[in-house]
Protein backbone atom coordinates (compact mmCIF):
# COMPACT_ATOMS: atom_id res chain seq x y z
CA MET A 1 0.00 0.00 0.00
CA GLY A 2 2.96 2.32 0.58
CA ARG A 3 3.88 2.12 -3.09
CA ILE A 4 0.29 2.91 -4.08
CA TYR A 5 0.27 5.87 -1.69
CA ASP A 6 3.54 7.21 -3.10
CA GLN A 7 2.40 6.73 -6.67
CA TYR A 8 -1.11 8.18 -6.40
CA PHE A 9 -1.04 10.64 -3.49
CA GLN A 10 -0.60 13.74 -5.65
CA GLU A 11 -3.27 12.74 -8.16
CA VAL A 12 -5.81 11.90 -5.44
CA TYR A 13 -5.01 15.17 -3.67
CA CYS A 14 -5.48 17.19 -6.88
CA PHE A 15 -8.75 15.40 -7.57
CA ALA A 16 -9.97 16.10 -4.02
CA LEU A 17 -8.91 19.72 -4.37
CA SER A 18 -10.85 20.04 -7.62
CA LEU A 19 -13.93 18.72 -5.83
CA SER A 20 -13.61 20.72 -2.63
CA ARG A 21 -11.78 23.87 -3.77
CA ASN A 22 -10.26 23.94 -0.26
CA LYS A 23 -6.72 22.75 0.54
CA GLN A 24 -7.49 21.63 4.09
CA ILE A 25 -10.57 19.68 3.05
CA ALA A 26 -8.64 18.15 0.12
CA GLU A 27 -5.94 16.97 2.54
CA GLU A 28 -8.58 15.38 4.78
CA ILE A 29 -10.30 13.70 1.83
CA THR A 30 -6.96 12.38 0.58
CA GLN A 31 -6.02 11.01 3.98
CA GLU A 32 -9.43 9.38 4.43
CA THR A 33 -9.31 7.96 0.90
CA PHE A 34 -6.08 6.08 1.55
CA PHE A 35 -7.29 4.97 4.99
CA LYS A 36 -10.47 3.49 3.47
CA ALA A 37 -8.52 1.95 0.60
CA LEU A 38 -6.13 0.24 3.01
CA LYS A 39 -9.01 -0.95 5.18
CA ASN A 40 -10.89 -2.33 2.14
CA ILE A 41 -8.06 -3.43 -0.15
CA ASN A 42 -9.51 -6.96 -0.19
CA GLN A 43 -12.61 -5.54 -1.91
CA PHE A 44 -10.60 -4.24 -4.87
CA ARG A 45 -11.57 -6.59 -7.70
CA GLY A 46 -9.33 -5.20 -10.41
CA GLU A 47 -12.23 -4.26 -12.67
CA CYS A 48 -10.74 -0.78 -12.93
CA SER A 49 -7.34 0.72 -12.24
CA ILE A 50 -6.23 1.47 -8.69
CA LYS A 51 -6.33 5.18 -9.59
CA VAL A 52 -9.98 4.99 -10.65
CA TRP A 53 -10.83 3.03 -7.51
CA LEU A 54 -9.14 5.66 -5.32
CA PHE A 55 -10.97 8.45 -7.15
CA GLN A 56 -14.27 6.65 -6.59
CA ILE A 57 -13.52 6.45 -2.87
CA ALA A 58 -12.56 10.14 -2.76
CA LYS A 59 -15.68 11.14 -4.64
CA ILE A 60 -18.05 9.60 -2.10
CA LEU A 61 -16.30 11.24 0.84
């Protein structure tokens, strides 16, 4: 998961920032996105890319 975090952190943050238009909220969304992804990694079925999955998580937060 550390590799995924390193690889996708900036993109998830930018996506969250585009949704929230607030840096602090975007940071919170990003942190929560990776927490939920780690907690639910066994539910990732590979039907989409990890990036898309992370964006889907961020979008519902």
